[in-house]
């Protein structure tokens, strides 16, 4: 029968040393320790695709205004 011989934390790992005979280590199991955020909200960086879409829409609106101004100048000067 397996028994836990020793249990400790090494860096971010929970280490359990098991024994079959009660004295010698038969094998070791290391399990990563997950740290909780205690309700802390992690802010995500802004989505670059959404920012590009916004900038694209703004540029299209400016181009439309400039095109209208050019049309007025060209057609108004004739």
N, C-alpha and C. Protein backbone atom coordinates (compact mmCIF):
# COMPACT_ATOMS: atom_id res chain seq x y z
N UNK A 1 0.84 -1.17 0.00
CA UNK A 1 0.00 0.00 0.00
C UNK A 1 0.89 1.24 0.00
N UNK A 2 0.49 2.23 -0.79
CA UNK A 2 1.25 3.48 -0.87
C UNK A 2 0.85 4.42 0.26
N UNK A 3 1.85 5.13 0.75
CA UNK A 3 1.61 6.15 1.77
C UNK A 3 2.41 7.38 1.40
N UNK A 4 1.91 8.53 1.84
CA UNK A 4 2.67 9.75 1.65
C UNK A 4 3.76 9.79 2.71
N UNK A 5 4.99 9.83 2.25
CA UNK A 5 6.12 9.89 3.16
C UNK A 5 6.43 11.34 3.54
N UNK A 6 6.35 12.23 2.55
CA UNK A 6 6.69 13.63 2.78
C UNK A 6 5.90 14.48 1.80
N UNK A 7 5.48 15.67 2.26
CA UNK A 7 4.74 16.59 1.40
C UNK A 7 5.28 17.98 1.67
N UNK A 8 5.64 18.70 0.59
CA UNK A 8 6.19 20.06 0.75
C UNK A 8 5.96 20.85 -0.53
N UNK A 9 6.22 22.15 -0.42
CA UNK A 9 6.09 23.04 -1.57
C UNK A 9 7.48 23.44 -2.03
N UNK A 10 7.73 23.26 -3.32
CA UNK A 10 8.99 23.66 -3.94
C UNK A 10 8.66 24.58 -5.10
N UNK A 11 9.00 25.86 -4.94
CA UNK A 11 8.64 26.91 -5.90
C UNK A 11 7.12 26.94 -6.02
N UNK A 12 6.59 26.75 -7.21
CA UNK A 12 5.14 26.76 -7.40
C UNK A 12 4.60 25.35 -7.59
N UNK A 13 5.24 24.38 -6.95
CA UNK A 13 4.82 22.99 -7.09
C UNK A 13 4.58 22.37 -5.72
N UNK A 14 3.49 21.62 -5.61
CA UNK A 14 3.23 20.80 -4.42
C UNK A 14 3.88 19.45 -4.69
N UNK A 15 4.84 19.08 -3.86
CA UNK A 15 5.60 17.84 -4.06
C UNK A 15 5.18 16.82 -3.01
N UNK A 16 4.82 15.63 -3.49
CA UNK A 16 4.47 14.53 -2.58
C UNK A 16 5.40 13.37 -2.87
N UNK A 17 6.07 12.92 -1.83
CA UNK A 17 6.94 11.75 -1.93
C UNK A 17 6.19 10.57 -1.33
N UNK A 18 6.04 9.52 -2.12
CA UNK A 18 5.31 8.33 -1.68
C UNK A 18 6.28 7.21 -1.33
N UNK A 19 5.81 6.32 -0.46
CA UNK A 19 6.62 5.17 -0.05
C UNK A 19 5.76 3.91 -0.05
N UNK A 20 6.42 2.79 -0.32
CA UNK A 20 5.74 1.50 -0.25
C UNK A 20 6.08 0.77 1.06
N UNK A 21 7.32 1.03 1.52
CA UNK A 21 7.78 0.31 2.72
C UNK A 21 7.79 1.18 3.98
N UNK A 22 7.40 2.46 3.87
CA UNK A 22 7.36 3.34 5.03
C UNK A 22 8.65 4.08 5.30
N UNK A 23 9.72 3.77 4.54
CA UNK A 23 11.01 4.43 4.77
C UNK A 23 11.59 5.07 3.52
N UNK A 24 11.59 4.35 2.44
CA UNK A 24 12.22 4.81 1.20
C UNK A 24 11.19 5.39 0.24
N UNK A 25 11.62 6.39 -0.52
CA UNK A 25 10.74 7.03 -1.51
C UNK A 25 10.60 6.09 -2.70
N UNK A 26 9.35 5.76 -3.04
CA UNK A 26 9.12 4.90 -4.20
C UNK A 26 8.88 5.75 -5.46
N UNK A 27 8.20 6.87 -5.30
CA UNK A 27 8.04 7.79 -6.41
C UNK A 27 7.63 9.17 -5.89
N UNK A 28 7.77 10.17 -6.77
CA UNK A 28 7.48 11.57 -6.42
C UNK A 28 6.46 12.11 -7.42
N UNK A 29 5.48 12.82 -6.90
CA UNK A 29 4.46 13.46 -7.75
C UNK A 29 4.51 14.96 -7.49
N UNK A 30 4.67 15.73 -8.59
CA UNK A 30 4.69 17.20 -8.49
C UNK A 30 3.44 17.75 -9.15
N UNK A 31 2.73 18.60 -8.43
CA UNK A 31 1.50 19.19 -8.92
C UNK A 31 1.63 20.71 -8.89
N UNK A 32 1.35 21.40 -10.00
CA UNK A 32 1.42 22.87 -10.00
C UNK A 32 0.40 23.46 -9.03
N UNK A 33 0.79 24.52 -8.34
CA UNK A 33 -0.11 25.23 -7.43
C UNK A 33 -0.73 26.40 -8.18
N UNK A 34 -2.04 26.46 -8.18
CA UNK A 34 -2.73 27.58 -8.82
C UNK A 34 -3.00 28.65 -7.78
N UNK A 35 -2.66 29.87 -8.15
CA UNK A 35 -2.86 30.99 -7.24
C UNK A 35 -4.17 31.68 -7.59
N UNK A 36 -4.97 31.95 -6.58
CA UNK A 36 -6.23 32.65 -6.79
C UNK A 36 -5.99 34.15 -6.76
N UNK A 37 -6.88 34.87 -7.40
CA UNK A 37 -6.71 36.32 -7.49
C UNK A 37 -7.45 37.08 -6.39
N UNK A 38 -8.13 36.39 -5.49
CA UNK A 38 -8.87 37.03 -4.39
C UNK A 38 -9.82 38.11 -4.88
N UNK A 39 -10.54 37.82 -5.94
CA UNK A 39 -11.52 38.77 -6.46
C UNK A 39 -10.92 39.88 -7.28
N UNK A 40 -9.63 39.86 -7.47
CA UNK A 40 -8.96 40.89 -8.26
C UNK A 40 -9.39 40.76 -9.71
N UNK A 41 -9.74 41.87 -10.31
CA UNK A 41 -10.15 41.87 -11.70
C UNK A 41 -8.94 42.21 -12.55
N UNK A 42 -8.59 41.31 -13.42
CA UNK A 42 -7.45 41.53 -14.31
C UNK A 42 -7.95 42.25 -15.55
N UNK A 43 -7.38 43.41 -15.81
CA UNK A 43 -7.80 44.18 -16.98
C UNK A 43 -7.11 43.62 -18.22
N UNK A 44 -7.91 43.41 -19.23
CA UNK A 44 -7.37 42.93 -20.49
C UNK A 44 -6.95 44.12 -21.34
N UNK A 45 -5.92 43.95 -22.15
CA UNK A 45 -5.54 45.06 -23.03
C UNK A 45 -6.63 45.30 -24.05
N UNK A 46 -6.70 46.52 -24.57
CA UNK A 46 -7.74 46.81 -25.57
C UNK A 46 -7.57 45.90 -26.79
N UNK A 47 -8.69 45.55 -27.37
CA UNK A 47 -8.68 44.68 -28.54
C UNK A 47 -8.17 45.48 -29.74
N UNK A 48 -7.02 45.11 -30.31
CA UNK A 48 -6.48 45.89 -31.43
C UNK A 48 -7.37 45.86 -32.66
N UNK A 49 -8.11 44.79 -32.86
CA UNK A 49 -9.01 44.74 -34.02
C UNK A 49 -10.14 45.74 -33.89
N UNK A 50 -10.68 45.89 -32.67
CA UNK A 50 -11.74 46.88 -32.47
C UNK A 50 -11.20 48.29 -32.66
N UNK A 51 -9.98 48.54 -32.17
CA UNK A 51 -9.37 49.85 -32.34
C UNK A 51 -9.16 50.16 -33.82
N UNK A 52 -8.68 49.17 -34.57
CA UNK A 52 -8.47 49.38 -36.00
C UNK A 52 -9.79 49.63 -36.73
N UNK A 53 -10.83 48.92 -36.34
CA UNK A 53 -12.14 49.11 -36.97
C UNK A 53 -12.65 50.53 -36.71
N UNK A 54 -12.45 51.01 -35.47
CA UNK A 54 -12.87 52.37 -35.12
C UNK A 54 -12.11 53.40 -35.94
N UNK A 55 -10.78 53.22 -36.01
CA UNK A 55 -9.95 54.15 -36.78
C UNK A 55 -10.34 54.11 -38.25
N UNK A 56 -10.62 52.92 -38.76
CA UNK A 56 -11.02 52.77 -40.15
C UNK A 56 -12.33 53.51 -40.43
N UNK A 57 -13.30 53.37 -39.53
CA UNK A 57 -14.57 54.06 -39.69
C UNK A 57 -14.39 55.58 -39.66
N UNK A 58 -13.51 56.06 -38.76
CA UNK A 58 -13.25 57.50 -38.68
C UNK A 58 -12.58 58.01 -39.95
N UNK A 59 -11.63 57.24 -40.48
CA UNK A 59 -10.95 57.64 -41.72
C UNK A 59 -11.91 57.64 -42.91
N UNK A 60 -12.79 56.66 -42.97
CA UNK A 60 -13.79 56.63 -44.04
C UNK A 60 -14.69 57.86 -43.98
N UNK A 61 -15.07 58.26 -42.76
CA UNK A 61 -15.92 59.44 -42.61
C UNK A 61 -15.17 60.69 -43.06
N UNK A 62 -13.89 60.80 -42.72
CA UNK A 62 -13.09 61.96 -43.16
C UNK A 62 -12.94 62.00 -44.68
N UNK A 63 -12.70 60.82 -45.27
CA UNK A 63 -12.56 60.75 -46.74
C UNK A 63 -13.85 61.18 -47.41
N UNK A 64 -14.96 60.77 -46.86
CA UNK A 64 -16.26 61.14 -47.43
C UNK A 64 -16.46 62.66 -47.38
N UNK A 65 -16.08 63.27 -46.26
CA UNK A 65 -16.19 64.73 -46.12
C UNK A 65 -15.27 65.43 -47.12
N UNK A 66 -14.02 64.93 -47.25
CA UNK A 66 -13.08 65.54 -48.20
C UNK A 66 -13.54 65.37 -49.63
N UNK A 67 -14.10 64.20 -49.94
CA UNK A 67 -14.59 63.95 -51.29
C UNK A 67 -15.74 64.90 -51.62
N UNK A 68 -16.61 65.13 -50.64
CA UNK A 68 -17.72 66.06 -50.84
C UNK A 68 -17.19 67.48 -51.07
N UNK A 69 -16.17 67.87 -50.29
CA UNK A 69 -15.58 69.21 -50.44
C UNK A 69 -14.94 69.35 -51.82
N UNK A 70 -14.24 68.32 -52.29
CA UNK A 70 -13.63 68.36 -53.62
C UNK A 70 -14.69 68.45 -54.71
N UNK A 71 -15.75 67.66 -54.56
CA UNK A 71 -16.84 67.71 -55.54
C UNK A 71 -17.43 69.12 -55.59
N UNK A 72 -17.61 69.73 -54.41
CA UNK A 72 -18.15 71.10 -54.37
C UNK A 72 -17.22 72.08 -55.05
N UNK A 73 -15.92 71.92 -54.85
CA UNK A 73 -14.95 72.83 -55.46
C UNK A 73 -14.91 72.65 -56.97
N UNK A 74 -14.90 71.39 -57.40
CA UNK A 74 -14.79 71.12 -58.82
C UNK A 74 -16.08 71.50 -59.54
N UNK A 75 -17.19 71.06 -59.02
CA UNK A 75 -18.47 71.36 -59.68
C UNK A 75 -18.87 72.83 -59.50
N UNK A 76 -18.49 73.39 -58.37
CA UNK A 76 -18.86 74.78 -58.11
C UNK A 76 -18.01 75.74 -58.93
N UNK A 77 -16.82 75.33 -59.37
CA UNK A 77 -15.94 76.21 -60.15
C UNK A 77 -16.23 76.18 -61.62
N UNK A 78 -17.07 75.26 -62.10
CA UNK A 78 -17.34 75.13 -63.53
C UNK A 78 -18.38 76.10 -63.99
